[in-house]
């Protein structure tokens, strides 16, 4: 029985590796041949990549790249040993968890489920979606229902795996495979140090952003009145903030301008001051100045020019 964390990590690694190779394969094909050819032959090219990955993993062995990194391999289940032919074989390690290797029938069935079936489904979906006929509409509804059924079956397999801890994916269940440790004397224990460090650094980064914003508070960065409030002048730059907190009275003629003069949002990370002294988002003032050299400030109608960065 394998640990749930190990099996899920292996599946996630294989999924991410396939997505990475697929993006590189798509980029190389589009740059070398053309994007139109990729769109036309996308099911076949994706199936070719999956077939190559399957051959160099399950075709010549019994584990994928993610399984190899986590000391796992595929072995036939007890039910498949009674239903499918198998031959005893060692997996190259003297401490293998199981003496039974995958049979040829299991490998062929697994290849059909992970390579040929997705290709046939993608090609059929592409053909049905491009046709405009009542028959195509009925087929599309049927295929959508089948996709929903497969999704529900995948959820059921995941729930079953949390209890039985044998087959984490639907193709493995249908082909009679389960996960086992390759070297039972050295099981890889779950390690959460990296996850804890990532969470700690993320929390620290959020705290530093808030502290950085508070540290750069100044009279020019605070909400300023468009007309000077003489009764609060002796408070200096902290007058508007104390007024917002209700610690001092607000002048009846006081009109505050808060946030970016263009979009009205309060810039959190990088705010810019124009030459006239009003605050803007960096993106807003940069795009406005690039679009027109004669742009003016919406608040004072002065020529819009970037002065300096506030925080």
Protein backbone atom coordinates (compact mmCIF):
# COMPACT_ATOMS: atom_id res chain seq x y z
CA UNK A 1 0.00 0.00 0.00
CA UNK A 2 1.49 3.31 -1.09
CA UNK A 3 1.12 6.69 0.56
CA UNK A 4 -1.50 8.97 -0.92
CA UNK A 5 0.94 11.89 -1.09
CA UNK A 6 3.43 9.86 -3.15
CA UNK A 7 0.84 8.70 -5.69
CA UNK A 8 -0.72 12.15 -6.10
CA UNK A 9 2.71 13.74 -6.48
CA UNK A 10 3.63 11.22 -9.17
CA UNK A 11 0.42 11.92 -11.11
CA UNK A 12 0.95 15.67 -10.77
CA UNK A 13 4.55 15.42 -11.99
CA UNK A 14 3.51 13.40 -15.04
CA UNK A 15 0.74 15.88 -15.84
CA UNK A 16 3.05 18.88 -15.56
CA UNK A 17 5.73 17.18 -17.64
CA UNK A 18 3.24 16.37 -20.39
CA UNK A 19 1.91 19.94 -20.36
CA UNK A 20 5.45 21.35 -20.60
CA UNK A 21 6.44 19.08 -23.48
CA UNK A 22 3.14 19.78 -25.22
CA UNK A 23 3.71 23.55 -25.06
CA UNK A 24 7.26 23.19 -26.40
CA UNK A 25 6.06 20.83 -29.13
CA UNK A 26 3.32 23.27 -30.13
CA UNK A 27 5.69 26.23 -30.18
CA UNK A 28 8.29 24.38 -32.24
CA UNK A 29 5.69 23.17 -34.73
CA UNK A 30 4.06 26.59 -35.10
CA UNK A 31 7.43 28.29 -35.61
CA UNK A 32 8.71 25.68 -38.04
CA UNK A 33 5.62 24.66 -40.00
CA UNK A 34 2.82 27.05 -39.19
CA UNK A 35 0.01 27.66 -36.73
CA UNK A 36 -2.68 26.73 -39.26
CA UNK A 37 -1.15 23.28 -39.74
CA UNK A 38 -1.02 22.80 -35.98
CA UNK A 39 -4.69 23.63 -35.58
CA UNK A 40 -5.61 21.24 -38.38
CA UNK A 41 -3.46 18.35 -37.13
CA UNK A 42 -3.60 19.05 -33.40
CA UNK A 43 -5.21 15.70 -32.39
CA UNK A 44 -2.65 13.68 -34.36
CA UNK A 45 0.35 15.71 -33.16
CA UNK A 46 -0.80 15.54 -29.53
CA UNK A 47 -1.32 11.79 -29.85
CA UNK A 48 2.17 11.45 -31.34
CA UNK A 49 3.70 13.19 -28.32
CA UNK A 50 1.70 11.07 -25.87
CA UNK A 51 2.66 7.94 -27.76
CA UNK A 52 6.37 8.76 -27.56
CA UNK A 53 6.08 9.52 -23.84
CA UNK A 54 4.16 6.29 -23.25
CA UNK A 55 6.69 4.19 -25.17
CA UNK A 56 9.68 5.47 -23.21
CA UNK A 57 7.86 5.01 -19.87
CA UNK A 58 5.21 2.29 -19.78
CA UNK A 59 6.16 0.75 -23.11
CA UNK A 60 9.66 -0.32 -22.13
CA UNK A 61 9.13 -0.43 -18.36
CA UNK A 62 6.43 -0.21 -15.76
CA UNK A 63 6.68 3.35 -14.47
CA UNK A 64 6.51 6.91 -15.68
CA UNK A 65 8.95 9.72 -14.92
CA UNK A 66 6.93 10.89 -11.92
CA UNK A 67 6.71 7.36 -10.54
CA UNK A 68 10.46 6.86 -10.93
CA UNK A 69 11.16 10.02 -8.94
CA UNK A 70 8.94 8.80 -6.09
CA UNK A 71 10.15 5.18 -5.96
CA UNK A 72 6.94 3.79 -7.47
CA UNK A 73 6.04 1.43 -10.30
CA UNK A 74 2.93 -0.18 -11.76
CA UNK A 75 2.06 -3.78 -10.93
CA UNK A 76 -0.95 -5.94 -11.82
CA UNK A 77 -3.75 -6.07 -9.29
CA UNK A 78 -4.99 -9.33 -7.82
CA UNK A 79 -8.08 -9.26 -10.04
CA UNK A 80 -6.07 -8.70 -13.21
CA UNK A 81 -3.78 -11.63 -12.38
CA UNK A 82 -6.77 -13.94 -12.49
CA UNK A 83 -8.22 -12.42 -15.67
CA UNK A 84 -5.18 -11.49 -17.76
CA UNK A 85 -2.10 -13.53 -18.64
CA UNK A 86 1.07 -12.50 -16.87
CA UNK A 87 4.56 -13.77 -16.58
CA UNK A 88 6.84 -13.51 -13.52
CA UNK A 89 9.62 -11.00 -13.96
CA UNK A 90 11.76 -8.82 -11.76
CA UNK A 91 11.86 -5.06 -12.23
CA UNK A 92 15.62 -4.77 -11.96
CA UNK A 93 15.82 -4.44 -8.17
CA UNK A 94 16.43 -7.29 -5.72
CA UNK A 95 13.98 -5.77 -3.27
CA UNK A 96 11.01 -5.40 -5.62
CA UNK A 97 7.64 -5.24 -3.96
CA UNK A 98 6.02 -7.62 -6.43
CA UNK A 99 7.45 -10.41 -8.59
CA UNK A 100 4.73 -9.97 -11.23
CA UNK A 101 5.30 -7.65 -14.16
CA UNK A 102 2.66 -6.09 -16.36
CA UNK A 103 1.33 -8.34 -19.08
CA UNK A 104 1.25 -7.42 -22.75
CA UNK A 105 -2.54 -7.19 -22.64
CA UNK A 106 -2.38 -4.64 -19.84
CA UNK A 107 0.18 -2.54 -21.70
CA UNK A 108 -1.85 -2.58 -24.91
CA UNK A 109 -5.04 -1.67 -23.04
CA UNK A 110 -3.25 1.14 -21.21
CA UNK A 111 -1.89 2.50 -24.51
CA UNK A 112 -5.38 2.44 -26.00
CA UNK A 113 -6.76 4.39 -23.03
CA UNK A 114 -4.05 7.07 -22.77
CA UNK A 115 -3.01 7.49 -26.43
CA UNK A 116 -5.52 6.27 -29.00
CA UNK A 117 -8.77 7.02 -27.17
CA UNK A 118 -7.91 10.72 -26.49
CA UNK A 119 -6.86 11.08 -30.14
CA UNK A 120 -10.11 9.57 -31.46
CA UNK A 121 -12.16 11.68 -29.07
CA UNK A 122 -10.38 14.92 -29.99
CA UNK A 123 -10.71 14.21 -33.71
CA UNK A 124 -14.41 13.37 -33.37
CA UNK A 125 -15.03 16.48 -31.26
CA UNK A 126 -13.24 18.65 -33.82
CA UNK A 127 -15.31 17.20 -36.64
CA UNK A 128 -18.63 17.50 -34.79
CA UNK A 129 -18.06 21.10 -33.69
CA UNK A 130 -17.24 22.22 -37.24
CA UNK A 131 -20.42 20.76 -38.75
CA UNK A 132 -23.78 22.49 -38.67
CA UNK A 133 -26.47 19.84 -38.85
CA UNK A 134 -29.06 18.26 -36.52
CA UNK A 135 -27.13 15.00 -36.48
CA UNK A 136 -23.94 16.80 -35.42
CA UNK A 137 -25.85 18.60 -32.67
CA UNK A 138 -27.19 15.29 -31.33
CA UNK A 139 -23.72 13.76 -31.41
CA UNK A 140 -22.30 16.78 -29.60
CA UNK A 141 -24.87 16.46 -26.81
CA UNK A 142 -24.10 12.75 -26.51
CA UNK A 143 -20.36 13.41 -26.32
CA UNK A 144 -20.89 16.06 -23.65
CA UNK A 145 -22.85 13.55 -21.59
CA UNK A 146 -20.11 10.97 -22.00
CA UNK A 147 -17.54 13.53 -20.86
CA UNK A 148 -19.65 14.20 -17.78
CA UNK A 149 -19.85 10.46 -17.08
CA UNK A 150 -16.07 10.13 -17.40
CA UNK A 151 -15.58 13.06 -15.03
CA UNK A 152 -17.88 11.44 -12.46
CA UNK A 153 -16.05 8.14 -12.86
CA UNK A 154 -12.75 9.93 -12.28
CA UNK A 155 -14.11 11.41 -9.06
CA UNK A 156 -15.21 7.94 -7.97
CA UNK A 157 -11.78 6.50 -8.74
CA UNK A 158 -10.14 9.26 -6.70
CA UNK A 159 -12.44 8.57 -3.75
CA UNK A 160 -11.75 4.84 -4.03
CA UNK A 161 -8.02 5.50 -4.13
CA UNK A 162 -8.14 7.38 -0.84
CA UNK A 163 -9.40 4.15 0.77
CA UNK A 164 -7.72 1.35 -1.20
CA UNK A 165 -4.53 3.27 -2.17
CA UNK A 166 -3.90 1.25 -5.31
CA UNK A 167 -4.93 2.94 -8.58
CA UNK A 168 -5.08 6.77 -8.62
CA UNK A 169 -6.24 7.21 -12.24
CA UNK A 170 -9.09 5.83 -14.34
CA UNK A 171 -6.84 4.26 -17.05
CA UNK A 172 -4.95 2.34 -14.36
CA UNK A 173 -8.20 1.01 -12.90
CA UNK A 174 -9.51 -0.11 -16.30
CA UNK A 175 -6.21 -1.79 -17.23
CA UNK A 176 -5.86 -3.56 -13.86
CA UNK A 177 -2.80 -1.71 -12.55
CA UNK A 178 -1.85 -0.56 -9.10
CA UNK A 179 1.05 1.38 -7.62
CA UNK A 180 3.73 -0.24 -5.51
CA UNK A 181 7.06 0.83 -4.09
CA UNK A 182 9.98 -0.29 -6.22
CA UNK A 183 12.38 -0.51 -3.29
CA UNK A 184 10.38 -1.38 -0.20
CA UNK A 185 13.38 -0.91 2.08
CA UNK A 186 13.59 2.78 1.19
CA UNK A 187 10.12 4.29 1.01
CA UNK A 188 10.10 8.01 0.49
CA UNK A 189 8.46 9.73 3.43
CA UNK A 190 6.22 12.72 2.83
CA UNK A 191 8.14 15.96 3.33
CA UNK A 192 6.31 19.23 3.83
CA UNK A 193 9.31 21.48 4.52
CA UNK A 194 9.21 23.06 1.07
CA UNK A 195 5.48 23.73 1.32
CA UNK A 196 5.91 25.32 4.73
CA UNK A 197 8.78 27.48 3.47
CA UNK A 198 6.70 28.55 0.47
CA UNK A 199 3.78 29.54 2.70
CA UNK A 200 6.10 31.39 5.08
CA UNK A 201 7.76 33.33 2.27
CA UNK A 202 4.39 34.20 0.72
CA UNK A 203 3.08 35.51 4.04
CA UNK A 204 6.30 37.46 4.61
CA UNK A 205 6.08 39.00 1.14
CA UNK A 206 2.50 40.15 1.79
CA UNK A 207 3.51 41.67 5.12
CA UNK A 208 6.48 43.47 3.56
CA UNK A 209 4.26 44.93 0.85
CA UNK A 210 1.95 46.39 3.49
CA UNK A 211 4.88 47.69 5.57
CA UNK A 212 6.46 49.18 2.45
CA UNK A 213 3.26 51.01 1.65
CA UNK A 214 3.00 52.38 5.19
CA UNK A 215 6.69 53.32 5.25
CA UNK A 216 6.33 55.46 2.13
CA UNK A 217 3.36 57.36 3.49
CA UNK A 218 4.10 61.06 3.10
CA UNK A 219 2.16 64.28 2.48
CA UNK A 220 2.41 63.72 -1.27
CA UNK A 221 1.27 60.08 -1.03
CA UNK A 222 -1.70 60.75 1.25
CA UNK A 223 -5.09 61.90 -0.04
CA UNK A 224 -4.75 65.64 -0.51
CA UNK A 225 -7.44 68.31 -0.63
CA UNK A 226 -7.90 70.07 -3.91
CA UNK A 227 -8.35 73.30 -1.97
CA UNK A 228 -6.15 73.90 1.09
CA UNK A 229 -7.85 73.41 4.44
CA UNK A 230 -6.39 76.19 6.60
CA UNK A 231 -7.82 74.84 9.85
CA UNK A 232 -5.79 71.60 9.47
CA UNK A 233 -2.58 73.10 8.08
CA UNK A 234 -0.70 72.81 11.36
CA UNK A 235 -1.11 69.02 11.27
CA UNK A 236 1.10 68.93 8.19
CA UNK A 237 0.81 66.00 5.82
CA UNK A 238 -0.98 63.88 8.41
CA UNK A 239 -4.06 66.10 8.46
CA UNK A 240 -6.01 64.19 5.78
CA UNK A 241 -5.29 60.86 7.45
CA UNK A 242 -6.38 62.11 10.88
CA UNK A 243 -9.49 63.56 9.28
CA UNK A 244 -10.38 60.22 7.72
CA UNK A 245 -9.93 58.55 11.11
CA UNK A 246 -12.31 61.08 12.70
CA UNK A 247 -9.69 62.54 15.07
CA UNK A 248 -10.02 66.09 13.74
CA UNK A 249 -12.89 67.93 12.11
CA UNK A 250 -13.16 68.13 8.35
CA UNK A 251 -13.56 71.47 6.65
CA UNK A 252 -16.82 72.03 4.82
CA UNK A 253 -14.94 73.36 1.77
CA UNK A 254 -12.49 70.47 1.73
CA UNK A 255 -12.62 68.20 -1.33
CA UNK A 256 -10.28 65.24 -1.37
CA UNK A 257 -8.73 63.57 -4.37
CA UNK A 258 -8.01 59.95 -3.53
CA UNK A 259 -6.10 57.46 -5.63
CA UNK A 260 -5.17 57.54 -9.29
CA UNK A 261 -6.42 60.61 -11.14
CA UNK A 262 -7.22 58.51 -14.22
CA UNK A 263 -8.81 55.28 -12.96
CA UNK A 264 -9.63 56.27 -9.36
CA UNK A 265 -7.96 53.19 -7.84
CA UNK A 266 -5.53 53.43 -4.95
CA UNK A 267 -2.13 52.22 -6.23
CA UNK A 268 -0.76 49.64 -3.81
CA UNK A 269 2.60 48.65 -5.27
CA UNK A 270 4.03 51.35 -7.56
CA UNK A 271 2.41 54.77 -7.64
CA UNK A 272 3.73 57.64 -9.75
CA UNK A 273 3.58 61.38 -9.23
CA UNK A 274 3.08 63.64 -12.20
CA UNK A 275 4.88 66.95 -12.58
CA UNK A 276 1.81 68.71 -11.20
CA UNK A 277 1.94 66.66 -7.99
CA UNK A 278 -1.06 64.35 -8.44
CA UNK A 279 -0.82 60.60 -7.95
CA UNK A 280 -1.33 58.03 -10.72
CA UNK A 281 -0.98 54.33 -11.30
CA UNK A 282 2.23 53.57 -13.15
CA UNK A 283 0.34 51.77 -15.92
CA UNK A 284 -2.23 54.55 -16.32
CA UNK A 285 0.21 57.44 -16.59
CA UNK A 286 2.70 55.48 -18.71
CA UNK A 287 0.12 54.41 -21.29
CA UNK A 288 -1.45 57.86 -21.37
CA UNK A 289 1.90 59.57 -21.97
CA UNK A 290 2.79 57.02 -24.65
CA UNK A 291 -0.55 57.47 -26.41
CA UNK A 292 -0.41 61.26 -26.50
CA UNK A 293 2.38 63.72 -25.79
CA UNK A 294 -0.16 66.48 -25.13
CA UNK A 295 -2.16 64.63 -22.46
CA UNK A 296 -3.24 66.70 -19.46
CA UNK A 297 -3.99 65.91 -15.84
CA UNK A 298 -7.75 65.40 -15.25
CA UNK A 299 -7.58 67.33 -11.97
CA UNK A 300 -5.54 70.42 -12.78
CA UNK A 301 -5.34 70.33 -16.61
CA UNK A 302 -1.56 70.63 -16.48
CA UNK A 303 0.58 68.81 -18.99
CA UNK A 304 0.98 65.20 -17.92
CA UNK A 305 4.59 64.22 -17.26
CA UNK A 306 6.05 61.57 -14.95
CA UNK A 307 7.91 63.16 -12.06
CA UNK A 308 8.96 60.39 -9.64
CA UNK A 309 7.87 57.16 -8.06
CA UNK A 310 6.15 57.33 -4.68
CA UNK A 311 6.49 53.74 -3.40
